[in-house]
PDB file of N, CA and C in Angstrom:
ATOM      1  N   MET A   1      38.015  15.104  67.070  1.00  0.00           N
ATOM      2  CA  MET A   1      36.909  14.358  66.725  1.00  0.00           C
ATOM      3  C   MET A   1      36.980  13.428  65.543  1.00  0.00           C
ATOM      4  N   ASP A   2      36.489  12.284  65.617  1.00  0.00           N
ATOM      5  CA  ASP A   2      36.629  11.185  64.636  1.00  0.00           C
ATOM      6  C   ASP A   2      35.190  11.245  63.903  1.00  0.00           C
ATOM      7  N   SER A   3      35.283  10.476  62.748  1.00  0.00           N
ATOM      8  CA  SER A   3      34.152  10.597  61.810  1.00  0.00           C
ATOM      9  C   SER A   3      32.815  10.078  62.498  1.00  0.00           C
ATOM     10  N   GLU A   4      32.890   9.111  63.403  1.00  0.00           N
ATOM     11  CA  GLU A   4      31.730   8.429  64.055  1.00  0.00           C
ATOM     12  C   GLU A   4      31.179   9.476  65.179  1.00  0.00           C
ATOM     13  N   GLN A   5      32.005  10.254  65.821  1.00  0.00           N
ATOM     14  CA  GLN A   5      31.529  11.320  66.642  1.00  0.00           C
ATOM     15  C   GLN A   5      30.779  12.352  65.905  1.00  0.00           C
ATOM     16  N   TYR A   6      31.469  12.804  64.775  1.00  0.00           N
ATOM     17  CA  TYR A   6      30.795  13.677  63.857  1.00  0.00           C
ATOM     18  C   TYR A   6      29.430  13.350  63.458  1.00  0.00           C
ATOM     19  N   LYS A   7      29.402  12.191  63.092  1.00  0.00           N
ATOM     20  CA  LYS A   7      28.032  11.585  62.435  1.00  0.00           C
ATOM     21  C   LYS A   7      27.079  11.537  63.488  1.00  0.00           C
ATOM     22  N   SER A   8      27.430  11.268  64.887  1.00  0.00           N
ATOM     23  CA  SER A   8      26.418  11.138  65.880  1.00  0.00           C
ATOM     24  C   SER A   8      26.040  12.446  66.266  1.00  0.00           C
ATOM     25  N   ILE A   9      26.821  13.503  66.296  1.00  0.00           N
ATOM     26  CA  ILE A   9      26.385  14.859  66.555  1.00  0.00           C
ATOM     27  C   ILE A   9      25.480  15.342  65.494  1.00  0.00           C
ATOM     28  N   CYS A  10      25.907  15.152  64.155  1.00  0.00           N
ATOM     29  CA  CYS A  10      25.150  15.621  63.187  1.00  0.00           C
ATOM     30  C   CYS A  10      23.690  14.910  63.124  1.00  0.00           C
ATOM     31  N   GLU A  11      23.442  14.029  63.755  1.00  0.00           N
ATOM     32  CA  GLU A  11      22.225  13.330  63.564  1.00  0.00           C
ATOM     33  C   GLU A  11      21.245  13.600  64.758  1.00  0.00           C
ATOM     34  N   GLN A  12      21.645  14.591  65.487  1.00  0.00           N
ATOM     35  CA  GLN A  12      20.802  15.268  66.667  1.00  0.00           C
ATOM     36  C   GLN A  12      19.950  16.093  65.951  1.00  0.00           C
ATOM     37  N   PRO A  13      18.563  16.068  66.656  1.00  0.00           N
ATOM     38  CA  PRO A  13      17.516  16.801  65.966  1.00  0.00           C
ATOM     39  C   PRO A  13      17.759  18.343  66.027  1.00  0.00           C
ATOM     40  N   ASN A  14      18.653  18.944  66.766  1.00  0.00           N
ATOM     41  CA  ASN A  14      18.908  20.375  67.022  1.00  0.00           C
ATOM     42  C   ASN A  14      20.154  20.653  66.194  1.00  0.00           C
ATOM     43  N   VAL A  15      20.607  19.679  65.439  1.00  0.00           N
ATOM     44  CA  VAL A  15      21.829  20.033  64.347  1.00  0.00           C
ATOM     45  C   VAL A  15      21.399  19.916  63.004  1.00  0.00           C
ATOM     46  N   PHE A  16      21.491  21.034  62.222  1.00  0.00           N
ATOM     47  CA  PHE A  16      20.682  21.342  60.830  1.00  0.00           C
ATOM     48  C   PHE A  16      21.992  21.573  59.943  1.00  0.00           C
ATOM     49  N   ARG A  17      21.781  21.261  58.690  1.00  0.00           N
ATOM     50  CA  ARG A  17      22.540  21.488  57.737  1.00  0.00           C
ATOM     51  C   ARG A  17      22.514  22.975  57.106  1.00  0.00           C
ATOM     52  N   LEU A  18      23.618  23.613  56.980  1.00  0.00           N
ATOM     53  CA  LEU A  18      23.653  24.964  56.508  1.00  0.00           C
ATOM     54  C   LEU A  18      22.647  25.333  55.544  1.00  0.00           C
ATOM     55  N   ARG A  19      22.458  24.659  54.500  1.00  0.00           N
ATOM     56  CA  ARG A  19      21.516  24.962  53.381  1.00  0.00           C
ATOM     57  C   ARG A  19      20.174  24.859  54.006  1.00  0.00           C
ATOM     58  N   ASP A  20      19.665  23.965  55.035  1.00  0.00           N
ATOM     59  CA  ASP A  20      18.330  23.912  55.442  1.00  0.00           C
ATOM     60  C   ASP A  20      18.200  25.213  56.369  1.00  0.00           C
ATOM     61  N   LEU A  21      19.140  25.730  57.081  1.00  0.00           N
ATOM     62  CA  LEU A  21      19.016  26.944  57.815  1.00  0.00           C
ATOM     63  C   LEU A  21      18.872  28.091  56.915  1.00  0.00           C
ATOM     64  N   ASN A  22      19.486  28.104  55.858  1.00  0.00           N
ATOM     65  CA  ASN A  22      19.491  29.234  54.773  1.00  0.00           C
ATOM     66  C   ASN A  22      17.991  29.383  54.217  1.00  0.00           C
ATOM     67  N   GLU A  23      17.537  28.011  53.876  1.00  0.00           N
ATOM     68  CA  GLU A  23      16.124  28.049  53.510  1.00  0.00           C
ATOM     69  C   GLU A  23      15.110  28.549  54.594  1.00  0.00           C
ATOM     70  N   THR A  24      15.375  28.053  55.859  1.00  0.00           N
ATOM     71  CA  THR A  24      14.443  28.537  56.916  1.00  0.00           C
ATOM     72  C   THR A  24      14.606  30.011  57.102  1.00  0.00           C
ATOM     73  N   LEU A  25      15.915  30.770  56.977  1.00  0.00           N
ATOM     74  CA  LEU A  25      16.040  32.123  57.031  1.00  0.00           C
ATOM     75  C   LEU A  25      15.406  32.922  56.065  1.00  0.00           C
ATOM     76  N   ASP A  26      15.157  32.206  54.743  1.00  0.00           N
ATOM     77  CA  ASP A  26      14.291  32.935  53.684  1.00  0.00           C
ATOM     78  C   ASP A  26      12.947  33.138  54.229  1.00  0.00           C
ATOM     79  N   VAL A  27      12.303  31.912  54.872  1.00  0.00           N
ATOM     80  CA  VAL A  27      10.860  31.887  55.207  1.00  0.00           C
ATOM     81  C   VAL A  27      10.896  33.111  56.507  1.00  0.00           C
ATOM     82  N   LEU A  28      11.681  32.924  57.374  1.00  0.00           N
ATOM     83  CA  LEU A  28      11.574  33.890  58.606  1.00  0.00           C
ATOM     84  C   LEU A  28      11.670  35.338  58.304  1.00  0.00           C
ATOM     85  N   ARG A  29      12.613  35.627  57.110  1.00  0.00           N
ATOM     86  CA  ARG A  29      12.707  36.976  56.787  1.00  0.00           C
ATOM     87  C   ARG A  29      11.624  37.657  55.987  1.00  0.00           C
ATOM     88  N   LYS A  30      10.806  36.686  55.399  1.00  0.00           N
ATOM     89  CA  LYS A  30       9.592  37.103  54.782  1.00  0.00           C
ATOM     90  C   LYS A  30       8.576  37.445  55.704  1.00  0.00           C
ATOM     91  N   GLU A  31       8.796  36.910  56.896  1.00  0.00           N
ATOM     92  CA  GLU A  31       7.631  37.116  58.011  1.00  0.00           C
ATOM     93  C   GLU A  31       8.178  38.139  59.150  1.00  0.00           C
ATOM     94  N   ASN A  32       9.452  38.674  58.919  1.00  0.00           N
ATOM     95  CA  ASN A  32      10.064  39.620  59.668  1.00  0.00           C
ATOM     96  C   ASN A  32      10.155  39.075  61.249  1.00  0.00           C
ATOM     97  N   MET A  33      10.619  37.997  61.347  1.00  0.00           N
ATOM     98  CA  MET A  33      10.595  37.212  62.576  1.00  0.00           C
ATOM     99  C   MET A  33      11.887  37.489  63.274  1.00  0.00           C
ATOM    100  N   SER A  34      11.864  37.497  64.541  1.00  0.00           N
ATOM    101  CA  SER A  34      12.935  38.035  65.539  1.00  0.00           C
ATOM    102  C   SER A  34      14.009  36.480  65.490  1.00  0.00           C
ATOM    103  N   GLU A  35      13.513  35.364  65.173  1.00  0.00           N
ATOM    104  CA  GLU A  35      14.304  34.371  65.277  1.00  0.00           C
ATOM    105  C   GLU A  35      15.435  34.343  64.082  1.00  0.00           C
ATOM    106  N   VAL A  36      15.219  35.156  63.047  1.00  0.00           N
ATOM    107  CA  VAL A  36      16.318  35.358  62.107  1.00  0.00           C
ATOM    108  C   VAL A  36      17.615  35.713  62.890  1.00  0.00           C
ATOM    109  N   ALA A  37      17.651  36.593  63.807  1.00  0.00           N
ATOM    110  CA  ALA A  37      19.021  36.928  64.542  1.00  0.00           C
ATOM    111  C   ALA A  37      19.509  35.709  65.049  1.00  0.00           C
ATOM    112  N   LEU A  38      18.825  34.919  65.753  1.00  0.00           N
ATOM    113  CA  LEU A  38      19.268  33.752  66.611  1.00  0.00           C
ATOM    114  C   LEU A  38      19.903  32.775  65.693  1.00  0.00           C
ATOM    115  N   ILE A  39      19.207  32.486  64.540  1.00  0.00           N
ATOM    116  CA  ILE A  39      19.635  31.413  63.542  1.00  0.00           C
ATOM    117  C   ILE A  39      21.001  31.984  63.013  1.00  0.00           C
ATOM    118  N   ALA A  40      20.858  33.232  62.448  1.00  0.00           N
ATOM    119  CA  ALA A  40      22.091  33.935  61.683  1.00  0.00           C
ATOM    120  C   ALA A  40      23.311  33.910  62.681  1.00  0.00           C
ATOM    121  N   GLU A  41      23.124  34.011  63.862  1.00  0.00           N
ATOM    122  CA  GLU A  41      24.223  34.066  64.996  1.00  0.00           C
ATOM    123  C   GLU A  41      24.806  32.605  65.181  1.00  0.00           C
ATOM    124  N   ALA A  42      23.864  31.716  65.218  1.00  0.00           N
ATOM    125  CA  ALA A  42      24.279  30.313  65.308  1.00  0.00           C
ATOM    126  C   ALA A  42      25.196  29.838  64.085  1.00  0.00           C
ATOM    127  N   MET A  43      24.719  30.213  62.799  1.00  0.00           N
ATOM    128  CA  MET A  43      25.364  29.856  61.600  1.00  0.00           C
ATOM    129  C   MET A  43      26.758  30.518  61.730  1.00  0.00           C
ATOM    130  N   LEU A  44      26.981  31.651  62.244  1.00  0.00           N
ATOM    131  CA  LEU A  44      28.418  32.015  62.471  1.00  0.00           C
ATOM    132  C   LEU A  44      29.218  31.362  63.578  1.00  0.00           C
ATOM    133  N   SER A  45      28.723  30.999  64.677  1.00  0.00           N
ATOM    134  CA  SER A  45      29.311  30.615  65.858  1.00  0.00           C
ATOM    135  C   SER A  45      29.134  29.231  66.346  1.00  0.00           C
ATOM    136  N   LYS A  46      28.139  28.647  65.786  1.00  0.00           N
ATOM    137  CA  LYS A  46      27.879  27.363  66.394  1.00  0.00           C
ATOM    138  C   LYS A  46      28.094  26.099  65.430  1.00  0.00           C
ATOM    139  N   LYS A  47      29.052  26.234  64.351  1.00  0.00           N
ATOM    140  CA  LYS A  47      29.265  25.104  63.476  1.00  0.00           C
ATOM    141  C   LYS A  47      29.830  24.093  64.138  1.00  0.00           C
ATOM    142  N   VAL A  48      29.502  22.776  63.689  1.00  0.00           N
ATOM    143  CA  VAL A  48      29.954  21.684  64.202  1.00  0.00           C
ATOM    144  C   VAL A  48      31.424  21.355  63.717  1.00  0.00           C
ATOM    145  N   LYS A  49      32.196  21.061  64.568  1.00  0.00           N
ATOM    146  CA  LYS A  49      33.695  20.985  64.006  1.00  0.00           C
ATOM    147  C   LYS A  49      33.793  19.813  63.130  1.00  0.00           C
ATOM    148  N   LYS A  50      34.407  19.769  61.997  1.00  0.00           N
ATOM    149  CA  LYS A  50      34.608  18.604  61.173  1.00  0.00           C
ATOM    150  C   LYS A  50      35.687  17.817  61.534  1.00  0.00           C
ATOM    151  N   PRO A  51      35.654  16.470  61.212  1.00  0.00           N
ATOM    152  CA  PRO A  51      36.985  15.548  61.491  1.00  0.00           C
ATOM    153  C   PRO A  51      38.003  15.853  60.524  1.00  0.00           C
ATOM    154  N   PRO A  52      39.011  15.419  60.694  1.00  0.00           N
ATOM    155  CA  PRO A  52      40.266  15.677  59.650  1.00  0.00           C
ATOM    156  C   PRO A  52      39.669  14.860  58.277  1.00  0.00           C
ATOM    157  N   LEU A  53      40.175  15.203  57.340  1.00  0.00           N
ATOM    158  CA  LEU A  53      39.778  14.610  55.914  1.00  0.00           C
ATOM    159  C   LEU A  53      38.402  14.725  55.645  1.00  0.00           C
ATOM    160  N   HIS A  54      37.603  15.445  56.365  1.00  0.00           N
ATOM    161  CA  HIS A  54      36.183  15.512  55.866  1.00  0.00           C
ATOM    162  C   HIS A  54      35.984  16.289  54.474  1.00  0.00           C
ATOM    163  N   GLU A  55      35.225  15.559  53.575  1.00  0.00           N
ATOM    164  CA  GLU A  55      34.864  16.044  52.430  1.00  0.00           C
ATOM    165  C   GLU A  55      33.707  16.740  52.466  1.00  0.00           C
ATOM    166  N   GLY A  56      33.568  17.916  51.719  1.00  0.00           N
ATOM    167  CA  GLY A  56      32.223  18.835  51.675  1.00  0.00           C
ATOM    168  C   GLY A  56      32.810  20.088  51.526  1.00  0.00           C
ATOM    169  N   ASN A  57      31.684  20.948  51.495  1.00  0.00           N
ATOM    170  CA  ASN A  57      32.067  22.627  51.540  1.00  0.00           C
ATOM    171  C   ASN A  57      31.106  23.173  52.360  1.00  0.00           C
ATOM    172  N   TYR A  58      30.990  24.565  52.119  1.00  0.00           N
ATOM    173  CA  TYR A  58      30.196  25.418  53.061  1.00  0.00           C
ATOM    174  C   TYR A  58      28.745  24.930  53.152  1.00  0.00           C
ATOM    175  N   ASP A  59      28.194  24.277  52.218  1.00  0.00           N
ATOM    176  CA  ASP A  59      26.906  23.960  52.035  1.00  0.00           C
ATOM    177  C   ASP A  59      26.595  22.670  52.795  1.00  0.00           C
ATOM    178  N   THR A  60      27.552  21.949  53.048  1.00  0.00           N
ATOM    179  CA  THR A  60      27.429  20.684  53.792  1.00  0.00           C
ATOM    180  C   THR A  60      27.826  20.975  55.240  1.00  0.00           C
ATOM    181  N   ASP A  61      28.091  22.152  55.742  1.00  0.00           N
ATOM    182  CA  ASP A  61      28.363  22.349  57.066  1.00  0.00           C
ATOM    183  C   ASP A  61      27.177  22.156  57.940  1.00  0.00           C
ATOM    184  N   PHE A  62      27.317  21.638  59.217  1.00  0.00           N
ATOM    185  CA  PHE A  62      26.234  21.581  60.166  1.00  0.00           C
ATOM    186  C   PHE A  62      26.396  22.433  61.240  1.00  0.00           C
ATOM    187  N   VAL A  63      25.208  22.975  61.713  1.00  0.00           N
ATOM    188  CA  VAL A  63      25.152  24.025  62.770  1.00  0.00           C
ATOM    189  C   VAL A  63      24.286  23.354  64.108  1.00  0.00           C
ATOM    190  N   ALA A  64      24.768  23.546  65.175  1.00  0.00           N
ATOM    191  CA  ALA A  64      24.145  23.156  66.351  1.00  0.00           C
ATOM    192  C   ALA A  64      23.452  24.124  67.135  1.00  0.00           C
ATOM    193  N   LEU A  65      22.012  24.162  67.063  1.00  0.00           N
ATOM    194  CA  LEU A  65      21.142  25.151  67.558  1.00  0.00           C
ATOM    195  C   LEU A  65      20.836  24.845  69.121  1.00  0.00           C
ATOM    196  N   GLU A  66      20.826  25.905  69.852  1.00  0.00           N
ATOM    197  CA  GLU A  66      20.220  25.846  71.153  1.00  0.00           C
ATOM    198  C   GLU A  66      19.126  26.799  71.349  1.00  0.00           C
ATOM    199  N   LEU A  67      17.778  26.556  71.001  1.00  0.00           N
ATOM    200  CA  LEU A  67      16.698  27.419  71.075  1.00  0.00           C
ATOM    201  C   LEU A  67      15.680  26.858  72.092  1.00  0.00           C
ATOM    202  N   SER A  68      14.695  27.824  72.442  1.00  0.00           N
ATOM    203  CA  SER A  68      13.809  27.538  73.404  1.00  0.00           C
ATOM    204  C   SER A  68      12.616  26.971  72.694  1.00  0.00           C
ATOM    205  N   PHE A  69      11.823  26.435  73.591  1.00  0.00           N
ATOM    206  CA  PHE A  69      10.541  25.710  72.891  1.00  0.00           C
ATOM    207  C   PHE A  69       9.734  26.713  72.156  1.00  0.00           C
ATOM    208  N   ASP A  70       9.563  27.982  72.690  1.00  0.00           N
ATOM    209  CA  ASP A  70       8.704  28.905  71.995  1.00  0.00           C
ATOM    210  C   ASP A  70       9.395  29.454  70.712  1.00  0.00           C
ATOM    211  N   GLU A  71      10.670  29.503  70.838  1.00  0.00           N
ATOM    212  CA  GLU A  71      11.347  30.043  69.400  1.00  0.00           C
ATOM    213  C   GLU A  71      11.247  28.804  68.281  1.00  0.00           C
ATOM    214  N   VAL A  72      11.436  27.620  68.714  1.00  0.00           N
ATOM    215  CA  VAL A  72      11.146  26.399  67.728  1.00  0.00           C
ATOM    216  C   VAL A  72       9.580  26.400  67.322  1.00  0.00           C
ATOM    217  N   ASP A  73       8.948  26.603  68.242  1.00  0.00           N
ATOM    218  CA  ASP A  73       7.433  26.536  67.935  1.00  0.00           C
ATOM    219  C   ASP A  73       6.983  27.615  66.910  1.00  0.00           C
ATOM    220  N   SER A  74       7.683  28.785  67.110  1.00  0.00           N
ATOM    221  CA  SER A  74       7.392  29.931  66.179  1.00  0.00           C
ATOM    222  C   SER A  74       7.843  29.561  64.663  1.00  0.00           C
ATOM    223  N   ILE A  75       9.188  28.901  64.670  1.00  0.00           N
ATOM    224  CA  ILE A  75       9.697  28.576  63.247  1.00  0.00           C
ATOM    225  C   ILE A  75       8.833  27.454  62.666  1.00  0.00           C
ATOM    226  N   VAL A  76       8.387  26.530  63.634  1.00  0.00           N
ATOM    227  CA  VAL A  76       7.757  25.453  62.975  1.00  0.00           C
ATOM    228  C   VAL A  76       6.337  26.066  62.353  1.00  0.00           C
ATOM    229  N   GLU A  77       5.679  27.124  63.051  1.00  0.00           N
ATOM    230  CA  GLU A  77       4.443  27.672  62.457  1.00  0.00           C
ATOM    231  C   GLU A  77       4.904  28.321  61.210  1.00  0.00           C
ATOM    232  N   ALA A  78       5.998  29.139  61.054  1.00  0.00           N
ATOM    233  CA  ALA A  78       6.405  29.878  59.999  1.00  0.00           C
ATOM    234  C   ALA A  78       6.598  29.019  58.764  1.00  0.00           C
ATOM    235  N   VAL A  79       7.424  27.807  58.847  1.00  0.00           N
ATOM    236  CA  VAL A  79       7.668  26.897  57.688  1.00  0.00           C
ATOM    237  C   VAL A  79       6.327  26.032  57.431  1.00  0.00           C
ATOM    238  N   PHE A  80       5.418  25.826  58.331  1.00  0.00           N
ATOM    239  CA  PHE A  80       4.186  25.109  57.989  1.00  0.00           C
ATOM    240  C   PHE A  80       3.223  26.155  57.333  1.00  0.00           C
ATOM    241  N   ASP A  81       3.194  27.372  57.622  1.00  0.00           N
ATOM    242  CA  ASP A  81       2.424  28.370  56.844  1.00  0.00           C
ATOM    243  C   ASP A  81       3.046  28.447  55.223  1.00  0.00           C
ATOM    244  N   ALA A  82       4.414  28.464  55.225  1.00  0.00           N
ATOM    245  CA  ALA A  82       5.055  28.558  53.839  1.00  0.00           C
ATOM    246  C   ALA A  82       4.808  27.521  53.268  1.00  0.00           C
ATOM    247  N   GLU A  83       4.821  26.184  53.698  1.00  0.00           N
ATOM    248  CA  GLU A  83       4.362  24.795  53.046  1.00  0.00           C
ATOM    249  C   GLU A  83       2.891  25.189  52.547  1.00  0.00           C
ATOM    250  N   ALA A  84       1.984  25.492  53.484  1.00  0.00           N
ATOM    251  CA  ALA A  84       0.565  25.519  52.943  1.00  0.00           C
ATOM    252  C   ALA A  84       0.433  26.688  51.911  1.00  0.00           C
ATOM    253  N   CYS A  85       1.105  27.680  52.099  1.00  0.00           N
ATOM    254  CA  CYS A  85       0.847  28.844  50.875  1.00  0.00           C
ATOM    255  C   CYS A  85       1.686  28.253  49.551  1.00  0.00           C
ATOM    256  N   SER A  86       2.450  27.269  49.595  1.00  0.00           N
ATOM    257  CA  SER A  86       3.152  27.075  48.323  1.00  0.00           C
ATOM    258  C   SER A  86       2.188  26.149  47.474  1.00  0.00           C
ATOM    259  N   ILE A  87       1.116  25.681  48.050  1.00  0.00           N
ATOM    260  CA  ILE A  87       0.136  24.886  47.269  1.00  0.00           C
ATOM    261  C   ILE A  87      -0.640  25.639  46.507  1.00  0.00           C
ATOM    262  N   GLN A  88      -0.719  25.266  45.105  1.00  0.00           N
ATOM    263  CA  GLN A  88      -1.571  26.071  44.230  1.00  0.00           C
ATOM    264  C   GLN A  88      -3.100  25.941  44.559  1.00  0.00           C
ATOM    265  N   GLY A  89      -3.685  27.017  43.953  1.00  0.00           N
ATOM    266  CA  GLY A  89      -5.287  26.850  44.098  1.00  0.00           C
ATOM    267  C   GLY A  89      -6.012  25.548  43.660  1.00  0.00           C
ATOM    268  N   ASN A  90      -5.361  24.815  42.747  1.00  0.00           N
ATOM    269  CA  ASN A  90      -5.872  23.682  42.429  1.00  0.00           C
ATOM    270  C   ASN A  90      -5.406  22.466  42.973  1.00  0.00           C
ATOM    271  N   GLY A  91      -4.559  22.714  44.032  1.00  0.00           N
ATOM    272  CA  GLY A  91      -4.060  21.610  44.961  1.00  0.00           C
ATOM    273  C   GLY A  91      -2.728  21.070  44.657  1.00  0.00           C
ATOM    274  N   GLU A  92      -2.276  21.628  43.469  1.00  0.00           N
ATOM    275  CA  GLU A  92      -0.750  21.148  43.038  1.00  0.00           C
ATOM    276  C   GLU A  92       0.251  21.709  43.810  1.00  0.00           C
ATOM    277  N   PRO A  93       1.268  21.070  44.183  1.00  0.00           N
ATOM    278  CA  PRO A  93       2.434  21.685  44.727  1.00  0.00           C
ATOM    279  C   PRO A  93       3.209  22.420  43.863  1.00  0.00           C
ATOM    280  N   THR A  94       3.924  23.493  44.373  1.00  0.00           N
ATOM    281  CA  THR A  94       4.926  24.137  43.470  1.00  0.00           C
ATOM    282  C   THR A  94       6.317  23.741  43.690  1.00  0.00           C
ATOM    283  N   SER A  95       7.224  24.269  43.085  1.00  0.00           N
ATOM    284  CA  SER A  95       8.646  23.786  43.066  1.00  0.00           C
ATOM    285  C   SER A  95       9.214  23.884  44.493  1.00  0.00           C
ATOM    286  N   LYS A  96       8.629  24.676  45.377  1.00  0.00           N
ATOM    287  CA  LYS A  96       9.171  24.948  46.771  1.00  0.00           C
ATOM    288  C   LYS A  96       8.444  24.088  47.853  1.00  0.00           C
ATOM    289  N   THR A  97       7.358  23.523  47.512  1.00  0.00           N
ATOM    290  CA  THR A  97       6.644  22.576  48.575  1.00  0.00           C
ATOM    291  C   THR A  97       7.372  21.583  49.108  1.00  0.00           C
ATOM    292  N   GLN A  98       8.245  20.897  48.378  1.00  0.00           N
ATOM    293  CA  GLN A  98       9.022  19.708  49.003  1.00  0.00           C
ATOM    294  C   GLN A  98       9.968  20.416  49.965  1.00  0.00           C
ATOM    295  N   THR A  99      10.547  21.455  49.534  1.00  0.00           N
ATOM    296  CA  THR A  99      11.601  22.115  50.573  1.00  0.00           C
ATOM    297  C   THR A  99      10.916  22.496  51.750  1.00  0.00           C
ATOM    298  N   TYR A 100       9.718  22.886  51.671  1.00  0.00           N
ATOM    299  CA  TYR A 100       8.794  23.356  52.868  1.00  0.00           C
ATOM    300  C   TYR A 100       8.491  22.261  53.808  1.00  0.00           C
ATOM    301  N   VAL A 101       8.175  21.083  53.105  1.00  0.00           N
ATOM    302  CA  VAL A 101       7.776  19.764  53.698  1.00  0.00           C
ATOM    303  C   VAL A 101       8.930  19.385  54.584  1.00  0.00           C
ATOM    304  N   HIS A 102      10.144  19.252  53.925  1.00  0.00           N
ATOM    305  CA  HIS A 102      11.406  18.896  54.557  1.00  0.00           C
ATOM    306  C   HIS A 102      11.726  19.750  55.791  1.00  0.00           C
ATOM    307  N   LEU A 103      11.619  21.089  55.603  1.00  0.00           N
ATOM    308  CA  LEU A 103      11.868  21.836  56.781  1.00  0.00           C
ATOM    309  C   LEU A 103      10.875  21.810  57.864  1.00  0.00           C
ATOM    310  N   VAL A 104       9.608  21.561  57.596  1.00  0.00           N
ATOM    311  CA  VAL A 104       8.634  21.321  58.612  1.00  0.00           C
ATOM    312  C   VAL A 104       8.808  19.950  59.325  1.00  0.00           C
ATOM    313  N   ASN A 105       9.316  18.978  58.735  1.00  0.00           N
ATOM    314  CA  ASN A 105       9.784  17.573  59.398  1.00  0.00           C
ATOM    315  C   ASN A 105      11.014  18.062  60.208  1.00  0.00           C
ATOM    316  N   LEU A 106      11.909  18.652  59.683  1.00  0.00           N
ATOM    317  CA  LEU A 106      13.180  18.913  60.589  1.00  0.00           C
ATOM    318  C   LEU A 106      12.822  19.763  61.913  1.00  0.00           C
ATOM    319  N   TRP A 107      12.098  20.835  61.713  1.00  0.00           N
ATOM    320  CA  TRP A 107      11.918  21.633  62.912  1.00  0.00           C
ATOM    321  C   TRP A 107      10.802  20.984  63.745  1.00  0.00           C
ATOM    322  N   SER A 108      10.009  20.225  63.274  1.00  0.00           N
ATOM    323  CA  SER A 108       9.086  19.547  64.160  1.00  0.00           C
ATOM    324  C   SER A 108       9.666  18.484  64.963  1.00  0.00           C
ATOM    325  N   ASN A 109      10.742  17.814  64.361  1.00  0.00           N
ATOM    326  CA  ASN A 109      11.435  16.973  65.076  1.00  0.00           C
ATOM    327  C   ASN A 109      12.343  17.610  66.271  1.00  0.00           C
ATOM    328  N   TYR A 110      12.744  18.848  66.067  1.00  0.00           N
ATOM    329  CA  TYR A 110      13.533  19.500  66.891  1.00  0.00           C
ATOM    330  C   TYR A 110      12.596  19.921  68.231  1.00  0.00           C
ATOM    331  N   LEU A 111      11.400  20.473  67.640  1.00  0.00           N
ATOM    332  CA  LEU A 111      10.500  20.861  68.708  1.00  0.00           C
ATOM    333  C   LEU A 111      10.091  19.754  69.675  1.00  0.00           C
ATOM    334  N   GLU A 112       9.934  18.429  69.163  1.00  0.00           N
ATOM    335  CA  GLU A 112       9.544  17.374  70.150  1.00  0.00           C
ATOM    336  C   GLU A 112      10.755  17.167  71.271  1.00  0.00           C
ATOM    337  N   THR A 113      11.930  17.568  70.919  1.00  0.00           N
ATOM    338  CA  THR A 113      13.171  17.410  71.863  1.00  0.00           C
ATOM    339  C   THR A 113      13.034  18.646  72.979  1.00  0.00           C
ATOM    340  N   THR A 114      12.283  19.586  72.439  1.00  0.00           N
ATOM    341  CA  THR A 114      12.449  20.767  73.439  1.00  0.00           C
ATOM    342  C   THR A 114      11.331  20.828  74.537  1.00  0.00           C
ATOM    343  N   GLU A 115      10.437  19.967  74.299  1.00  0.00           N
ATOM    344  CA  GLU A 115       9.237  19.952  75.408  1.00  0.00           C
ATOM    345  C   GLU A 115       9.695  19.428  76.730  1.00  0.00           C
TER     346      GLU A 115
END
C-alpha cells in the first residue's frame, strides 16, 4: 500500500483513530454497552495496514469498523449523552466537552453511511 491509498482509506467515515476509539470505549464502558466488545475486537484485528516509512505510533493507528446501523446509532446516542452531561449547570463546557463533540461528529458521520 502506498501513502495515497492509506490516506484514502483513513478518510472513510468508518475508519477511526485509535485514540478516538479509546475515548469512545470510555463512554461505552460507563454505560455497560455491548458495543464495547465489538470495538475492542476491531481494535485488535481491524487496524489499517500502514505504508512503508509511515511515521507515528500506536496512538496514530487507524481501525476500520464494520458495524450495523443499530450498533452505530447506539454509540451515537451514548456519546451525545456524554456530551450533554459534560455541560455544567451554568451552561459552561467542561474539559471533556470538546472531546465528546468530536466523537459525536465522527460517529454521526459514520451513521449517515450505514443507512
